[in-house]
């Protein structure tokens, strides 16, 4: 019976202590002085108008993990701010393949502007038919309009099947006035016919390329170079020469 009375007395004391603790209604929120409240867990809470009206002006700073994952003195890990990124990073570093691709596009654009069809589009010349004749046969070759009519053209023979327009152009691109390179292919099968042409704007580069690149390997074979005689197959030139030979009694 005595134990029950003691427990009842202790329970009444706890109720009295809870009733004596200040509530939110007892706190005067009209004053500017902060109010200190201690709850049952002995945590101190400071209530003031500044804290009630406070707003978050910026996000908290981020921190990295503790150095080496170890705790410092007092059991707390040392925290550091994230390192600043280097200011000298080159985010736009170009690859050699990209530089070569851009250079090739520029050369192709220049070759197109200097071509016969480019001059026609600018109104400098009128479009004509490119009629060819050789071996008793006559045909039309519209691809000649893609070349500069005033260029110095090199015939490249003994080309392997692996040689493409780009590979042939890469071999001669070191010359400043290089304009265009093309491998002649069969119109039906698209297979290489074993020869092609390279165009130069300047005669000096034409002579130097013929001297330096003759016999050099392009692909798997050494190539043979000579001056192109494409103009000698022009129908009008052939007919003119034929008339001259007839007048001289040569034919």
C-alpha atoms as a PDB file:
ATOM      1  CA  UNK A   1       0.000   0.000   0.000  1.00  0.00           C
ATOM      2  CA  UNK A   2       2.886   2.328   0.805  1.00  0.00           C
ATOM      3  CA  UNK A   3       4.436   1.661  -2.636  1.00  0.00           C
ATOM      4  CA  UNK A   4       1.186   2.594  -4.368  1.00  0.00           C
ATOM      5  CA  UNK A   5       0.990   5.846  -2.409  1.00  0.00           C
ATOM      6  CA  UNK A   6       4.605   6.701  -3.351  1.00  0.00           C
ATOM      7  CA  UNK A   7       3.983   6.065  -7.053  1.00  0.00           C
ATOM      8  CA  UNK A   8       0.803   8.170  -6.935  1.00  0.00           C
ATOM      9  CA  UNK A   9       2.676  11.037  -5.289  1.00  0.00           C
ATOM     10  CA  UNK A  10       5.420  10.872  -7.955  1.00  0.00           C
ATOM     11  CA  UNK A  11       2.788  10.910 -10.727  1.00  0.00           C
ATOM     12  CA  UNK A  12       1.156  14.003  -9.239  1.00  0.00           C
ATOM     13  CA  UNK A  13       4.542  15.768  -9.096  1.00  0.00           C
ATOM     14  CA  UNK A  14       5.167  15.082 -12.825  1.00  0.00           C
ATOM     15  CA  UNK A  15       1.711  16.431 -13.715  1.00  0.00           C
ATOM     16  CA  UNK A  16       2.384  19.566 -11.665  1.00  0.00           C
ATOM     17  CA  UNK A  17       5.733  20.135 -13.397  1.00  0.00           C
ATOM     18  CA  UNK A  18       4.145  19.800 -16.869  1.00  0.00           C
ATOM     19  CA  UNK A  19       1.404  22.282 -15.958  1.00  0.00           C
ATOM     20  CA  UNK A  20       4.055  24.753 -14.754  1.00  0.00           C
ATOM     21  CA  UNK A  21       5.972  24.609 -18.112  1.00  0.00           C
ATOM     22  CA  UNK A  22       5.203  27.611 -20.456  1.00  0.00           C
ATOM     23  CA  UNK A  23       3.215  26.932 -23.598  1.00  0.00           C
ATOM     24  CA  UNK A  24       3.190  28.686 -26.984  1.00  0.00           C
ATOM     25  CA  UNK A  25       0.247  30.800 -25.799  1.00  0.00           C
ATOM     26  CA  UNK A  26       2.225  31.980 -22.761  1.00  0.00           C
ATOM     27  CA  UNK A  27       5.044  33.331 -24.969  1.00  0.00           C
ATOM     28  CA  UNK A  28       4.703  37.032 -25.716  1.00  0.00           C
ATOM     29  CA  UNK A  29       5.252  37.381 -29.482  1.00  0.00           C
ATOM     30  CA  UNK A  30       4.673  41.129 -29.476  1.00  0.00           C
ATOM     31  CA  UNK A  31       7.996  42.005 -27.878  1.00  0.00           C
ATOM     32  CA  UNK A  32      11.308  42.187 -29.683  1.00  0.00           C
ATOM     33  CA  UNK A  33      13.109  40.312 -26.919  1.00  0.00           C
ATOM     34  CA  UNK A  34      13.852  36.666 -27.708  1.00  0.00           C
ATOM     35  CA  UNK A  35      12.168  34.138 -25.475  1.00  0.00           C
ATOM     36  CA  UNK A  36      14.095  31.121 -24.218  1.00  0.00           C
ATOM     37  CA  UNK A  37      12.079  27.932 -23.834  1.00  0.00           C
ATOM     38  CA  UNK A  38      13.430  24.681 -22.418  1.00  0.00           C
ATOM     39  CA  UNK A  39      11.438  21.596 -23.215  1.00  0.00           C
ATOM     40  CA  UNK A  40      11.372  18.242 -21.491  1.00  0.00           C
ATOM     41  CA  UNK A  41      14.441  17.017 -23.321  1.00  0.00           C
ATOM     42  CA  UNK A  42      16.387  20.033 -22.023  1.00  0.00           C
ATOM     43  CA  UNK A  43      16.844  21.463 -25.581  1.00  0.00           C
ATOM     44  CA  UNK A  44      16.950  25.251 -25.583  1.00  0.00           C
ATOM     45  CA  UNK A  45      14.783  26.890 -28.246  1.00  0.00           C
ATOM     46  CA  UNK A  46      15.166  30.608 -28.897  1.00  0.00           C
ATOM     47  CA  UNK A  47      11.988  32.251 -30.126  1.00  0.00           C
ATOM     48  CA  UNK A  48      12.223  35.806 -31.439  1.00  0.00           C
ATOM     49  CA  UNK A  49      10.490  37.957 -34.090  1.00  0.00           C
ATOM     50  CA  UNK A  50      13.634  37.837 -36.210  1.00  0.00           C
ATOM     51  CA  UNK A  51      13.598  34.040 -36.251  1.00  0.00           C
ATOM     52  CA  UNK A  52       9.875  33.887 -36.935  1.00  0.00           C
ATOM     53  CA  UNK A  53      10.140  36.275 -39.899  1.00  0.00           C
ATOM     54  CA  UNK A  54      13.455  34.930 -41.247  1.00  0.00           C
ATOM     55  CA  UNK A  55      13.663  33.799 -44.860  1.00  0.00           C
ATOM     56  CA  UNK A  56      16.295  31.742 -46.684  1.00  0.00           C
ATOM     57  CA  UNK A  57      18.242  34.090 -48.963  1.00  0.00           C
ATOM     58  CA  UNK A  58      20.559  31.527 -50.562  1.00  0.00           C
ATOM     59  CA  UNK A  59      21.174  27.813 -50.665  1.00  0.00           C
ATOM     60  CA  UNK A  60      23.730  26.321 -48.299  1.00  0.00           C
ATOM     61  CA  UNK A  61      27.219  25.766 -49.649  1.00  0.00           C
ATOM     62  CA  UNK A  62      28.204  22.252 -50.663  1.00  0.00           C
ATOM     63  CA  UNK A  63      31.170  20.536 -49.101  1.00  0.00           C
ATOM     64  CA  UNK A  64      33.250  17.578 -50.015  1.00  0.00           C
ATOM     65  CA  UNK A  65      33.773  14.602 -47.836  1.00  0.00           C
ATOM     66  CA  UNK A  66      36.377  14.757 -45.113  1.00  0.00           C
ATOM     67  CA  UNK A  67      39.995  14.598 -46.247  1.00  0.00           C
ATOM     68  CA  UNK A  68      41.138  10.993 -46.569  1.00  0.00           C
ATOM     69  CA  UNK A  69      37.862   9.896 -44.953  1.00  0.00           C
ATOM     70  CA  UNK A  70      39.337  10.354 -41.440  1.00  0.00           C
ATOM     71  CA  UNK A  71      37.872  12.335 -38.558  1.00  0.00           C
ATOM     72  CA  UNK A  72      39.847  15.136 -37.024  1.00  0.00           C
ATOM     73  CA  UNK A  73      40.206  16.090 -33.398  1.00  0.00           C
ATOM     74  CA  UNK A  74      37.045  15.875 -31.363  1.00  0.00           C
ATOM     75  CA  UNK A  75      35.559  13.206 -33.630  1.00  0.00           C
ATOM     76  CA  UNK A  76      34.469  15.649 -36.393  1.00  0.00           C
ATOM     77  CA  UNK A  77      35.764  15.412 -39.949  1.00  0.00           C
ATOM     78  CA  UNK A  78      37.499  18.395 -41.581  1.00  0.00           C
ATOM     79  CA  UNK A  79      35.373  19.653 -44.449  1.00  0.00           C
ATOM     80  CA  UNK A  80      36.614  21.575 -47.501  1.00  0.00           C
ATOM     81  CA  UNK A  81      34.848  23.542 -50.199  1.00  0.00           C
ATOM     82  CA  UNK A  82      34.867  21.989 -53.682  1.00  0.00           C
ATOM     83  CA  UNK A  83      37.916  23.025 -55.736  1.00  0.00           C
ATOM     84  CA  UNK A  84      37.499  25.664 -58.413  1.00  0.00           C
ATOM     85  CA  UNK A  85      37.748  24.343 -62.004  1.00  0.00           C
ATOM     86  CA  UNK A  86      40.977  25.270 -63.833  1.00  0.00           C
ATOM     87  CA  UNK A  87      40.592  28.407 -65.893  1.00  0.00           C
ATOM     88  CA  UNK A  88      42.958  27.310 -68.657  1.00  0.00           C
ATOM     89  CA  UNK A  89      41.037  24.267 -69.882  1.00  0.00           C
ATOM     90  CA  UNK A  90      40.602  24.142 -73.657  1.00  0.00           C
ATOM     91  CA  UNK A  91      37.098  22.792 -74.111  1.00  0.00           C
ATOM     92  CA  UNK A  92      37.157  23.380 -77.900  1.00  0.00           C
ATOM     93  CA  UNK A  93      40.317  21.491 -78.789  1.00  0.00           C
ATOM     94  CA  UNK A  94      40.054  20.356 -82.405  1.00  0.00           C
ATOM     95  CA  UNK A  95      41.125  16.906 -83.533  1.00  0.00           C
ATOM     96  CA  UNK A  96      43.538  16.493 -86.469  1.00  0.00           C
ATOM     97  CA  UNK A  97      40.820  14.700 -88.427  1.00  0.00           C
ATOM     98  CA  UNK A  98      38.480  17.662 -87.925  1.00  0.00           C
ATOM     99  CA  UNK A  99      41.141  20.124 -89.103  1.00  0.00           C
ATOM    100  CA  UNK A 100      41.785  18.026 -92.200  1.00  0.00           C
ATOM    101  CA  UNK A 101      38.052  17.803 -92.910  1.00  0.00           C
ATOM    102  CA  UNK A 102      37.630  21.588 -92.683  1.00  0.00           C
ATOM    103  CA  UNK A 103      40.650  22.144 -94.952  1.00  0.00           C
ATOM    104  CA  UNK A 104      39.238  19.683 -97.487  1.00  0.00           C
ATOM    105  CA  UNK A 105      35.867  21.467 -97.489  1.00  0.00           C
ATOM    106  CA  UNK A 106      37.568  24.804 -98.094  1.00  0.00           C
ATOM    107  CA  UNK A 107      39.560  23.403-101.002  1.00  0.00           C
ATOM    108  CA  UNK A 108      36.454  21.847-102.522  1.00  0.00           C
ATOM    109  CA  UNK A 109      34.622  25.143-102.188  1.00  0.00           C
ATOM    110  CA  UNK A 110      37.483  27.026-103.882  1.00  0.00           C
ATOM    111  CA  UNK A 111      37.691  24.445-106.668  1.00  0.00           C
ATOM    112  CA  UNK A 112      33.951  24.754-107.279  1.00  0.00           C
ATOM    113  CA  UNK A 113      34.176  28.544-107.491  1.00  0.00           C
ATOM    114  CA  UNK A 114      37.022  28.285-110.028  1.00  0.00           C
ATOM    115  CA  UNK A 115      35.294  25.574-112.063  1.00  0.00           C
ATOM    116  CA  UNK A 116      33.546  26.213-115.352  1.00  0.00           C
ATOM    117  CA  UNK A 117      30.122  25.626-113.829  1.00  0.00           C
ATOM    118  CA  UNK A 118      30.973  28.086-111.051  1.00  0.00           C
ATOM    119  CA  UNK A 119      31.793  30.720-113.651  1.00  0.00           C
ATOM    120  CA  UNK A 120      28.518  29.951-115.412  1.00  0.00           C
ATOM    121  CA  UNK A 121      26.545  30.413-112.195  1.00  0.00           C
ATOM    122  CA  UNK A 122      28.218  33.778-111.650  1.00  0.00           C
ATOM    123  CA  UNK A 123      27.253  34.816-115.186  1.00  0.00           C
ATOM    124  CA  UNK A 124      30.846  35.026-116.436  1.00  0.00           C
ATOM    125  CA  UNK A 125      30.409  32.347-119.103  1.00  0.00           C
ATOM    126  CA  UNK A 126      27.648  30.565-120.960  1.00  0.00           C
ATOM    127  CA  UNK A 127      27.135  26.862-120.462  1.00  0.00           C
ATOM    128  CA  UNK A 128      28.480  24.718-123.265  1.00  0.00           C
ATOM    129  CA  UNK A 129      28.576  21.050-124.152  1.00  0.00           C
ATOM    130  CA  UNK A 130      31.835  19.213-123.536  1.00  0.00           C
ATOM    131  CA  UNK A 131      32.079  16.951-126.581  1.00  0.00           C
ATOM    132  CA  UNK A 132      35.032  14.562-126.692  1.00  0.00           C
ATOM    133  CA  UNK A 133      36.462  12.469-129.472  1.00  0.00           C
ATOM    134  CA  UNK A 134      39.125   9.777-129.533  1.00  0.00           C
ATOM    135  CA  UNK A 135      39.668   6.467-131.294  1.00  0.00           C
ATOM    136  CA  UNK A 136      36.979   7.225-133.824  1.00  0.00           C
ATOM    137  CA  UNK A 137      34.345   7.677-131.090  1.00  0.00           C
ATOM    138  CA  UNK A 138      32.583  10.843-129.979  1.00  0.00           C
ATOM    139  CA  UNK A 139      30.842  11.351-126.659  1.00  0.00           C
ATOM    140  CA  UNK A 140      29.822  14.089-124.235  1.00  0.00           C
ATOM    141  CA  UNK A 141      31.478  14.443-120.826  1.00  0.00           C
ATOM    142  CA  UNK A 142      29.578  16.899-118.541  1.00  0.00           C
ATOM    143  CA  UNK A 143      31.978  16.176-115.640  1.00  0.00           C
ATOM    144  CA  UNK A 144      34.528  18.498-117.272  1.00  0.00           C
ATOM    145  CA  UNK A 145      32.388  21.425-116.150  1.00  0.00           C
ATOM    146  CA  UNK A 146      33.468  20.650-112.564  1.00  0.00           C
ATOM    147  CA  UNK A 147      37.097  21.576-113.339  1.00  0.00           C
ATOM    148  CA  UNK A 148      38.846  24.894-113.667  1.00  0.00           C
ATOM    149  CA  UNK A 149      39.187  25.488-117.429  1.00  0.00           C
ATOM    150  CA  UNK A 150      42.443  27.411-116.877  1.00  0.00           C
ATOM    151  CA  UNK A 151      44.102  24.956-114.521  1.00  0.00           C
ATOM    152  CA  UNK A 152      47.271  22.889-114.901  1.00  0.00           C
ATOM    153  CA  UNK A 153      46.163  19.280-114.755  1.00  0.00           C
ATOM    154  CA  UNK A 154      48.228  16.187-113.974  1.00  0.00           C
ATOM    155  CA  UNK A 155      47.393  12.690-115.192  1.00  0.00           C
ATOM    156  CA  UNK A 156      47.936  10.102-112.424  1.00  0.00           C
ATOM    157  CA  UNK A 157      48.320   6.526-113.621  1.00  0.00           C
ATOM    158  CA  UNK A 158      48.750   3.119-111.947  1.00  0.00           C
ATOM    159  CA  UNK A 159      46.327   3.870-109.134  1.00  0.00           C
ATOM    160  CA  UNK A 160      45.283   0.948-106.964  1.00  0.00           C
ATOM    161  CA  UNK A 161      41.670   0.061-106.281  1.00  0.00           C
ATOM    162  CA  UNK A 162      42.042   1.372-102.735  1.00  0.00           C
ATOM    163  CA  UNK A 163      42.843   4.927-103.884  1.00  0.00           C
ATOM    164  CA  UNK A 164      39.906   7.286-103.424  1.00  0.00           C
ATOM    165  CA  UNK A 165      39.444  10.940-104.278  1.00  0.00           C
ATOM    166  CA  UNK A 166      40.314  11.906-100.707  1.00  0.00           C
ATOM    167  CA  UNK A 167      43.454   9.750-100.589  1.00  0.00           C
ATOM    168  CA  UNK A 168      44.677  11.177-103.891  1.00  0.00           C
ATOM    169  CA  UNK A 169      43.932  14.716-102.712  1.00  0.00           C
ATOM    170  CA  UNK A 170      45.773  14.095 -99.440  1.00  0.00           C
ATOM    171  CA  UNK A 171      48.938  13.222-101.355  1.00  0.00           C
ATOM    172  CA  UNK A 172      48.925  16.535-103.276  1.00  0.00           C
ATOM    173  CA  UNK A 173      47.333  18.877-100.758  1.00  0.00           C
ATOM    174  CA  UNK A 174      50.726  20.084 -99.554  1.00  0.00           C
ATOM    175  CA  UNK A 175      51.098  22.212-102.678  1.00  0.00           C
ATOM    176  CA  UNK A 176      49.553  25.674-102.098  1.00  0.00           C
ATOM    177  CA  UNK A 177      47.635  25.987-105.376  1.00  0.00           C
ATOM    178  CA  UNK A 178      46.176  22.475-105.282  1.00  0.00           C
ATOM    179  CA  UNK A 179      42.506  22.570-106.275  1.00  0.00           C
ATOM    180  CA  UNK A 180      40.990  19.189-106.990  1.00  0.00           C
ATOM    181  CA  UNK A 181      41.724  15.472-107.275  1.00  0.00           C
ATOM    182  CA  UNK A 182      39.478  12.871-108.833  1.00  0.00           C
ATOM    183  CA  UNK A 183      39.756   9.149-109.525  1.00  0.00           C
ATOM    184  CA  UNK A 184      38.009   8.100-112.740  1.00  0.00           C
ATOM    185  CA  UNK A 185      35.509   5.281-112.140  1.00  0.00           C
ATOM    186  CA  UNK A 186      33.294   3.087-114.265  1.00  0.00           C
ATOM    187  CA  UNK A 187      29.788   4.542-114.488  1.00  0.00           C
ATOM    188  CA  UNK A 188      28.126   1.134-114.046  1.00  0.00           C
ATOM    189  CA  UNK A 189      30.247  -0.632-111.440  1.00  0.00           C
ATOM    190  CA  UNK A 190      31.834   2.417-109.752  1.00  0.00           C
ATOM    191  CA  UNK A 191      35.181   0.593-109.819  1.00  0.00           C
ATOM    192  CA  UNK A 192      38.350   2.576-110.337  1.00  0.00           C
ATOM    193  CA  UNK A 193      39.747   2.594-113.863  1.00  0.00           C
ATOM    194  CA  UNK A 194      43.271   2.875-112.460  1.00  0.00           C
ATOM    195  CA  UNK A 195      43.882   6.530-113.210  1.00  0.00           C
ATOM    196  CA  UNK A 196      42.827   9.993-112.132  1.00  0.00           C
ATOM    197  CA  UNK A 197      43.585  13.681-112.384  1.00  0.00           C
ATOM    198  CA  UNK A 198      44.951  16.396-110.099  1.00  0.00           C
ATOM    199  CA  UNK A 199      44.381  20.104-110.715  1.00  0.00           C
ATOM    200  CA  UNK A 200      46.642  23.036-109.792  1.00  0.00           C
ATOM    201  CA  UNK A 201      46.012  26.729-110.113  1.00  0.00           C
ATOM    202  CA  UNK A 202      49.693  27.648-110.403  1.00  0.00           C
ATOM    203  CA  UNK A 203      52.118  26.298-113.001  1.00  0.00           C
ATOM    204  CA  UNK A 204      55.019  26.231-110.534  1.00  0.00           C
ATOM    205  CA  UNK A 205      53.157  23.815-108.250  1.00  0.00           C
ATOM    206  CA  UNK A 206      52.218  21.734-111.276  1.00  0.00           C
ATOM    207  CA  UNK A 207      55.880  21.371-112.325  1.00  0.00           C
ATOM    208  CA  UNK A 208      57.072  20.738-108.766  1.00  0.00           C
ATOM    209  CA  UNK A 209      54.422  18.083-108.126  1.00  0.00           C
ATOM    210  CA  UNK A 210      55.269  16.250-111.358  1.00  0.00           C
ATOM    211  CA  UNK A 211      58.931  16.212-110.383  1.00  0.00           C
ATOM    212  CA  UNK A 212      58.537  15.265-106.715  1.00  0.00           C
ATOM    213  CA  UNK A 213      55.551  12.910-106.718  1.00  0.00           C
ATOM    214  CA  UNK A 214      56.303  10.805-109.788  1.00  0.00           C
ATOM    215  CA  UNK A 215      57.006   7.251-108.607  1.00  0.00           C
ATOM    216  CA  UNK A 216      55.886   7.949-105.027  1.00  0.00           C
ATOM    217  CA  UNK A 217      53.508   5.571-103.289  1.00  0.00           C
ATOM    218  CA  UNK A 218      49.869   6.600-103.054  1.00  0.00           C
ATOM    219  CA  UNK A 219      48.076   3.691-101.477  1.00  0.00           C
ATOM    220  CA  UNK A 220      49.783   0.388-102.264  1.00  0.00           C
ATOM    221  CA  UNK A 221      51.414   1.369-105.564  1.00  0.00           C
ATOM    222  CA  UNK A 222      53.849   3.957-106.907  1.00  0.00           C
ATOM    223  CA  UNK A 223      52.010   6.328-109.216  1.00  0.00           C
ATOM    224  CA  UNK A 224      53.072   7.605-112.621  1.00  0.00           C
ATOM    225  CA  UNK A 225      52.564  11.260-113.494  1.00  0.00           C
ATOM    226  CA  UNK A 226      52.513  13.224-116.719  1.00  0.00           C
ATOM    227  CA  UNK A 227      50.837  16.299-118.116  1.00  0.00           C
ATOM    228  CA  UNK A 228      47.182  15.712-118.891  1.00  0.00           C
ATOM    229  CA  UNK A 229      46.194  15.822-122.567  1.00  0.00           C
ATOM    230  CA  UNK A 230      42.464  16.222-121.871  1.00  0.00           C
ATOM    231  CA  UNK A 231      42.326  19.322-124.080  1.00  0.00           C
ATOM    232  CA  UNK A 232      43.610  17.344-127.054  1.00  0.00           C
ATOM    233  CA  UNK A 233      40.402  15.291-127.015  1.00  0.00           C
ATOM    234  CA  UNK A 234      38.114  18.284-127.281  1.00  0.00           C
ATOM    235  CA  UNK A 235      35.952  17.826-130.358  1.00  0.00           C
ATOM    236  CA  UNK A 236      36.475  21.367-131.626  1.00  0.00           C
ATOM    237  CA  UNK A 237      40.245  21.216-131.195  1.00  0.00           C
ATOM    238  CA  UNK A 238      40.473  17.811-132.878  1.00  0.00           C
ATOM    239  CA  UNK A 239      38.400  19.026-135.829  1.00  0.00           C
ATOM    240  CA  UNK A 240      40.563  22.134-136.152  1.00  0.00           C
ATOM    241  CA  UNK A 241      43.769  20.110-136.184  1.00  0.00           C
ATOM    242  CA  UNK A 242      42.287  17.706-138.695  1.00  0.00           C
ATOM    243  CA  UNK A 243      41.494  20.576-141.078  1.00  0.00           C
ATOM    244  CA  UNK A 244      44.995  21.932-140.723  1.00  0.00           C
ATOM    245  CA  UNK A 245      46.491  18.552-141.561  1.00  0.00           C
ATOM    246  CA  UNK A 246      44.196  18.268-144.587  1.00  0.00           C
ATOM    247  CA  UNK A 247      45.391  21.634-145.866  1.00  0.00           C
ATOM    248  CA  UNK A 248      48.987  20.544-145.442  1.00  0.00           C
ATOM    249  CA  UNK A 249      48.261  17.287-147.237  1.00  0.00           C
ATOM    250  CA  UNK A 250      49.252  15.177-144.250  1.00  0.00           C
ATOM    251  CA  UNK A 251      46.056  13.166-144.313  1.00  0.00           C
END
